[in-house]
Amino acid sequence: MFDSLQTTRRWRRFSRKYDKRRRKHEQSINREYRADLDELYARDQYFREAEGGLKVYRDTISKIETANTLQLLNWIEELGYPSEDVIGVGDSLEHLPRFNVVIERQTAVRKGYDFTEVLAKAVQQGKVAPQTAYLLDQQAGRNRYGSKVYIKINCTGCKKKEIEDLGTDEYLVKKISEKEQKNR
């Protein structure tokens, strides 16, 4: 794929300098901050992915979200917004850094912390990638970009009220058909 590029003089020059530049970059990022942010994500996901998830651990998840929000705000105050120049580029092909899940869960609709000021400041300082601009609208409870969450619920005997009690009012809900249940 890169054969024609790799034969150029510019590529050879880039290749010779790459290791030195990579080491310099690795030394310039805050690995501890990055690891702490990854831990926020792990805490956020732990009970959501556990058996029973949100239905069983709603209170615990709520407390974790609050603690994660406070921790993130403290780190931003102390260390700055965790942009690529501070924590480096993510290790995965995910669209956004994992810590963004903390911000995404805090919206006006959910009566969460309003990150608008933090995000606006980060945008003005050039610390936020353009694709994260949707977070500003999300904080205000607007969804201009059309993203929706679609969930299926496996509950043959559930009443509508029981499904609503799961906190699914923000999602498009469809019960899993009997055929789908049999194929599981």
C-alpha atoms as a PDB file:
ATOM      1  CA  MET A   1       0.000   0.000   0.000  1.00  0.00           C
ATOM      2  CA  PHE A   2       2.814   2.427   0.874  1.00  0.00           C
ATOM      3  CA  ASP A   3       5.361   1.008  -1.577  1.00  0.00           C
ATOM      4  CA  SER A   4       5.438   4.035  -3.840  1.00  0.00           C
ATOM      5  CA  LEU A   5       5.604   6.376  -0.862  1.00  0.00           C
ATOM      6  CA  GLN A   6       8.345   4.390   0.851  1.00  0.00           C
ATOM      7  CA  THR A   7      10.677   4.744  -2.110  1.00  0.00           C
ATOM      8  CA  THR A   8      10.728   8.552  -1.912  1.00  0.00           C
ATOM      9  CA  ARG A   9      13.477  10.620  -0.367  1.00  0.00           C
ATOM     10  CA  ARG A  10      10.984  12.293   1.961  1.00  0.00           C
ATOM     11  CA  TRP A  11       9.936   8.903   3.317  1.00  0.00           C
ATOM     12  CA  ARG A  12      13.505   7.860   4.003  1.00  0.00           C
ATOM     13  CA  ARG A  13      14.122  11.136   5.839  1.00  0.00           C
ATOM     14  CA  PHE A  14      10.903  10.652   7.815  1.00  0.00           C
ATOM     15  CA  SER A  15      11.852   7.056   8.597  1.00  0.00           C
ATOM     16  CA  ARG A  16      15.289   8.047   9.902  1.00  0.00           C
ATOM     17  CA  LYS A  17      13.837  10.664  12.248  1.00  0.00           C
ATOM     18  CA  TYR A  18      10.754   8.736  13.321  1.00  0.00           C
ATOM     19  CA  ASP A  19      12.190   6.903  16.361  1.00  0.00           C
ATOM     20  CA  LYS A  20      13.707  10.089  17.779  1.00  0.00           C
ATOM     21  CA  ARG A  21      10.480  12.046  17.273  1.00  0.00           C
ATOM     22  CA  ARG A  22       8.399   9.218  18.736  1.00  0.00           C
ATOM     23  CA  ARG A  23      10.582   9.101  21.876  1.00  0.00           C
ATOM     24  CA  LYS A  24      10.342  12.875  22.237  1.00  0.00           C
ATOM     25  CA  HIS A  25       6.561  12.689  21.903  1.00  0.00           C
ATOM     26  CA  GLU A  26       6.290   9.841  24.412  1.00  0.00           C
ATOM     27  CA  GLN A  27       8.300  11.885  26.921  1.00  0.00           C
ATOM     28  CA  SER A  28       6.079  14.931  26.435  1.00  0.00           C
ATOM     29  CA  ILE A  29       2.729  13.292  27.258  1.00  0.00           C
ATOM     30  CA  ASN A  30       1.363  12.745  30.736  1.00  0.00           C
ATOM     31  CA  ARG A  31       1.050   8.946  30.917  1.00  0.00           C
ATOM     32  CA  GLU A  32      -0.209   8.980  34.488  1.00  0.00           C
ATOM     33  CA  TYR A  33      -3.051  11.367  33.572  1.00  0.00           C
ATOM     34  CA  ARG A  34      -3.895   9.161  30.609  1.00  0.00           C
ATOM     35  CA  ALA A  35      -3.974   6.037  32.800  1.00  0.00           C
ATOM     36  CA  ASP A  36      -6.198   7.827  35.316  1.00  0.00           C
ATOM     37  CA  LEU A  37      -8.611   8.785  32.524  1.00  0.00           C
ATOM     38  CA  ASP A  38      -8.680   5.185  31.303  1.00  0.00           C
ATOM     39  CA  GLU A  39      -9.556   4.169  34.860  1.00  0.00           C
ATOM     40  CA  LEU A  40     -12.566   6.537  34.783  1.00  0.00           C
ATOM     41  CA  TYR A  41     -13.797   4.711  31.713  1.00  0.00           C
ATOM     42  CA  ALA A  42     -13.233   1.299  33.324  1.00  0.00           C
ATOM     43  CA  ARG A  43     -15.189   2.349  36.429  1.00  0.00           C
ATOM     44  CA  ASP A  44     -17.989   3.703  34.248  1.00  0.00           C
ATOM     45  CA  GLN A  45     -18.273   0.441  32.329  1.00  0.00           C
ATOM     46  CA  TYR A  46     -17.797  -2.106  35.132  1.00  0.00           C
ATOM     47  CA  PHE A  47     -21.356  -2.285  36.517  1.00  0.00           C
ATOM     48  CA  ARG A  48     -22.976  -1.446  33.184  1.00  0.00           C
ATOM     49  CA  GLU A  49     -21.419  -4.591  31.714  1.00  0.00           C
ATOM     50  CA  ALA A  50     -22.049  -6.743  34.796  1.00  0.00           C
ATOM     51  CA  GLU A  51     -24.959  -9.152  34.766  1.00  0.00           C
ATOM     52  CA  GLY A  52     -28.116  -7.139  35.371  1.00  0.00           C
ATOM     53  CA  GLY A  53     -26.383  -3.925  34.356  1.00  0.00           C
ATOM     54  CA  LEU A  54     -28.311  -0.703  34.831  1.00  0.00           C
ATOM     55  CA  LYS A  55     -31.402  -2.469  36.136  1.00  0.00           C
ATOM     56  CA  VAL A  56     -29.556  -4.021  39.076  1.00  0.00           C
ATOM     57  CA  TYR A  57     -26.860  -1.430  39.733  1.00  0.00           C
ATOM     58  CA  ARG A  58     -28.639   1.860  38.934  1.00  0.00           C
ATOM     59  CA  ASP A  59     -27.746   3.500  42.289  1.00  0.00           C
ATOM     60  CA  THR A  60     -24.139   2.324  42.186  1.00  0.00           C
ATOM     61  CA  ILE A  61     -23.733   3.505  38.591  1.00  0.00           C
ATOM     62  CA  SER A  62     -25.200   6.885  39.519  1.00  0.00           C
ATOM     63  CA  LYS A  63     -22.676   7.261  42.357  1.00  0.00           C
ATOM     64  CA  ILE A  64     -19.827   6.254  40.051  1.00  0.00           C
ATOM     65  CA  GLU A  65     -20.961   8.808  37.451  1.00  0.00           C
ATOM     66  CA  THR A  66     -20.974  11.543  40.094  1.00  0.00           C
ATOM     67  CA  ALA A  67     -17.553  10.558  41.421  1.00  0.00           C
ATOM     68  CA  ASN A  68     -16.122  10.312  37.892  1.00  0.00           C
ATOM     69  CA  THR A  69     -17.474  13.752  37.013  1.00  0.00           C
ATOM     70  CA  LEU A  70     -15.948  15.353  40.095  1.00  0.00           C
ATOM     71  CA  GLN A  71     -12.636  13.592  39.493  1.00  0.00           C
ATOM     72  CA  LEU A  72     -12.523  14.665  35.839  1.00  0.00           C
ATOM     73  CA  LEU A  73     -13.292  18.281  36.773  1.00  0.00           C
ATOM     74  CA  ASN A  74     -10.544  18.245  39.406  1.00  0.00           C
ATOM     75  CA  TRP A  75      -8.028  16.867  36.919  1.00  0.00           C
ATOM     76  CA  ILE A  76      -9.026  19.423  34.275  1.00  0.00           C
ATOM     77  CA  GLU A  77      -8.565  22.182  36.848  1.00  0.00           C
ATOM     78  CA  GLU A  78      -5.184  20.824  37.947  1.00  0.00           C
ATOM     79  CA  LEU A  79      -3.713  19.388  34.721  1.00  0.00           C
ATOM     80  CA  GLY A  80      -5.728  21.023  31.944  1.00  0.00           C
ATOM     81  CA  TYR A  81      -8.171  19.566  29.451  1.00  0.00           C
ATOM     82  CA  PRO A  82      -6.939  16.088  28.404  1.00  0.00           C
ATOM     83  CA  SER A  83      -6.211  16.874  24.778  1.00  0.00           C
ATOM     84  CA  GLU A  84      -3.919  14.904  22.475  1.00  0.00           C
ATOM     85  CA  ASP A  85      -1.001  17.174  23.259  1.00  0.00           C
ATOM     86  CA  VAL A  86      -1.426  16.390  26.975  1.00  0.00           C
ATOM     87  CA  ILE A  87      -2.298  12.664  26.987  1.00  0.00           C
ATOM     88  CA  GLY A  88      -1.346  11.571  23.478  1.00  0.00           C
ATOM     89  CA  VAL A  89      -3.420   9.845  20.837  1.00  0.00           C
ATOM     90  CA  GLY A  90      -5.623   6.919  21.807  1.00  0.00           C
ATOM     91  CA  ASP A  91      -4.422   3.356  21.381  1.00  0.00           C
ATOM     92  CA  SER A  92      -7.588   2.236  19.668  1.00  0.00           C
ATOM     93  CA  LEU A  93      -9.555   3.230  16.610  1.00  0.00           C
ATOM     94  CA  GLU A  94     -12.348   4.660  18.730  1.00  0.00           C
ATOM     95  CA  HIS A  95     -13.851   7.886  17.469  1.00  0.00           C
ATOM     96  CA  LEU A  96     -13.360   9.766  20.740  1.00  0.00           C
ATOM     97  CA  PRO A  97     -11.110   9.363  23.759  1.00  0.00           C
ATOM     98  CA  ARG A  98     -12.697   7.030  26.295  1.00  0.00           C
ATOM     99  CA  PHE A  99     -12.930   9.656  29.037  1.00  0.00           C
ATOM    100  CA  ASN A 100     -15.559  11.467  26.918  1.00  0.00           C
ATOM    101  CA  VAL A 101     -18.095   8.963  28.212  1.00  0.00           C
ATOM    102  CA  VAL A 102     -18.012  10.890  31.505  1.00  0.00           C
ATOM    103  CA  ILE A 103     -18.974  14.098  29.697  1.00  0.00           C
ATOM    104  CA  GLU A 104     -21.542  12.378  27.479  1.00  0.00           C
ATOM    105  CA  ARG A 105     -23.445  11.061  30.484  1.00  0.00           C
ATOM    106  CA  GLN A 106     -23.778  14.546  32.000  1.00  0.00           C
ATOM    107  CA  THR A 107     -26.526  16.387  30.129  1.00  0.00           C
ATOM    108  CA  ALA A 108     -29.168  18.976  30.941  1.00  0.00           C
ATOM    109  CA  VAL A 109     -31.837  16.367  30.222  1.00  0.00           C
ATOM    110  CA  ARG A 110     -30.400  14.060  32.888  1.00  0.00           C
ATOM    111  CA  LYS A 111     -29.847  16.985  35.288  1.00  0.00           C
ATOM    112  CA  GLY A 112     -26.112  16.291  35.222  1.00  0.00           C
ATOM    113  CA  TYR A 113     -23.146  18.618  35.461  1.00  0.00           C
ATOM    114  CA  ASP A 114     -23.078  21.181  32.663  1.00  0.00           C
ATOM    115  CA  PHE A 115     -19.723  20.804  30.900  1.00  0.00           C
ATOM    116  CA  THR A 116     -20.535  23.594  28.412  1.00  0.00           C
ATOM    117  CA  GLU A 117     -18.088  26.087  29.928  1.00  0.00           C
ATOM    118  CA  VAL A 118     -15.290  23.494  30.156  1.00  0.00           C
ATOM    119  CA  LEU A 119     -15.865  22.358  26.567  1.00  0.00           C
ATOM    120  CA  ALA A 120     -16.191  25.905  25.190  1.00  0.00           C
ATOM    121  CA  LYS A 121     -12.881  26.848  26.830  1.00  0.00           C
ATOM    122  CA  ALA A 122     -11.222  23.708  25.415  1.00  0.00           C
ATOM    123  CA  VAL A 123     -12.576  24.520  21.931  1.00  0.00           C
ATOM    124  CA  GLN A 124     -11.304  28.113  22.156  1.00  0.00           C
ATOM    125  CA  GLN A 125      -7.865  26.832  23.172  1.00  0.00           C
ATOM    126  CA  GLY A 126      -7.821  24.323  20.308  1.00  0.00           C
ATOM    127  CA  LYS A 127      -7.765  21.362  22.711  1.00  0.00           C
ATOM    128  CA  VAL A 128     -10.864  19.599  21.375  1.00  0.00           C
ATOM    129  CA  ALA A 129     -11.033  17.780  18.072  1.00  0.00           C
ATOM    130  CA  PRO A 130     -13.771  19.074  15.737  1.00  0.00           C
ATOM    131  CA  GLN A 131     -15.719  15.815  15.913  1.00  0.00           C
ATOM    132  CA  THR A 132     -16.346  16.401  19.618  1.00  0.00           C
ATOM    133  CA  ALA A 133     -18.213  19.659  18.995  1.00  0.00           C
ATOM    134  CA  TYR A 134     -21.474  17.722  19.248  1.00  0.00           C
ATOM    135  CA  LEU A 135     -20.832  17.486  23.002  1.00  0.00           C
ATOM    136  CA  LEU A 136     -21.655  21.189  23.348  1.00  0.00           C
ATOM    137  CA  ASP A 137     -25.135  20.651  21.909  1.00  0.00           C
ATOM    138  CA  GLN A 138     -25.588  17.483  23.895  1.00  0.00           C
ATOM    139  CA  GLN A 139     -24.861  19.362  27.123  1.00  0.00           C
ATOM    140  CA  ALA A 140     -27.801  21.640  26.365  1.00  0.00           C
ATOM    141  CA  GLY A 141     -30.082  18.683  25.668  1.00  0.00           C
ATOM    142  CA  ARG A 142     -30.128  19.265  21.908  1.00  0.00           C
ATOM    143  CA  ASN A 143     -29.387  16.604  19.376  1.00  0.00           C
ATOM    144  CA  ARG A 144     -28.702  18.373  16.093  1.00  0.00           C
ATOM    145  CA  TYR A 145     -26.550  15.614  14.712  1.00  0.00           C
ATOM    146  CA  GLY A 146     -29.161  12.884  14.717  1.00  0.00           C
ATOM    147  CA  SER A 147     -27.451  10.291  16.856  1.00  0.00           C
ATOM    148  CA  LYS A 148     -29.827   7.939  18.607  1.00  0.00           C
ATOM    149  CA  VAL A 149     -29.397   4.938  20.807  1.00  0.00           C
ATOM    150  CA  TYR A 150     -31.404   1.888  19.852  1.00  0.00           C
ATOM    151  CA  ILE A 151     -31.875  -0.870  22.384  1.00  0.00           C
ATOM    152  CA  LYS A 152     -33.735  -4.140  22.435  1.00  0.00           C
ATOM    153  CA  ILE A 153     -35.169  -5.486  25.659  1.00  0.00           C
ATOM    154  CA  ASN A 154     -35.460  -9.188  26.317  1.00  0.00           C
ATOM    155  CA  CYS A 155     -38.492  -9.265  28.580  1.00  0.00           C
ATOM    156  CA  THR A 156     -41.503 -11.245  27.418  1.00  0.00           C
ATOM    157  CA  GLY A 157     -43.617 -10.612  30.500  1.00  0.00           C
ATOM    158  CA  CYS A 158     -42.693  -6.969  31.098  1.00  0.00           C
ATOM    159  CA  LYS A 159     -45.322  -4.326  31.321  1.00  0.00           C
ATOM    160  CA  LYS A 160     -44.745  -0.916  29.735  1.00  0.00           C
ATOM    161  CA  LYS A 161     -44.262   0.668  33.187  1.00  0.00           C
ATOM    162  CA  GLU A 162     -41.511  -1.850  34.041  1.00  0.00           C
ATOM    163  CA  ILE A 163     -39.672  -0.972  30.838  1.00  0.00           C
ATOM    164  CA  GLU A 164     -40.009   2.758  31.563  1.00  0.00           C
ATOM    165  CA  ASP A 165     -38.592   2.145  35.061  1.00  0.00           C
ATOM    166  CA  LEU A 166     -35.393   0.889  33.425  1.00  0.00           C
ATOM    167  CA  GLY A 167     -34.672   4.489  32.436  1.00  0.00           C
ATOM    168  CA  THR A 168     -35.167   3.871  28.742  1.00  0.00           C
ATOM    169  CA  ASP A 169     -37.108   7.066  28.045  1.00  0.00           C
ATOM    170  CA  GLU A 170     -34.090   8.502  26.160  1.00  0.00           C
ATOM    171  CA  TYR A 171     -33.803   5.483  23.868  1.00  0.00           C
ATOM    172  CA  LEU A 172     -35.690   3.909  21.003  1.00  0.00           C
ATOM    173  CA  VAL A 173     -36.977   0.699  22.551  1.00  0.00           C
ATOM    174  CA  LYS A 174     -38.051  -2.475  20.800  1.00  0.00           C
ATOM    175  CA  LYS A 175     -38.835  -5.724  22.533  1.00  0.00           C
ATOM    176  CA  ILE A 176     -36.923  -8.720  21.274  1.00  0.00           C
ATOM    177  CA  SER A 177     -39.219 -10.975  19.293  1.00  0.00           C
ATOM    178  CA  GLU A 178     -39.903 -14.534  20.399  1.00  0.00           C
ATOM    179  CA  LYS A 179     -37.998 -15.759  17.330  1.00  0.00           C
ATOM    180  CA  GLU A 180     -34.922 -13.726  18.363  1.00  0.00           C
ATOM    181  CA  GLN A 181     -35.194 -15.066  21.927  1.00  0.00           C
ATOM    182  CA  LYS A 182     -35.233 -18.646  20.703  1.00  0.00           C
ATOM    183  CA  ASN A 183     -32.150 -18.027  18.537  1.00  0.00           C
ATOM    184  CA  ARG A 184     -30.093 -16.807  21.520  1.00  0.00           C
END
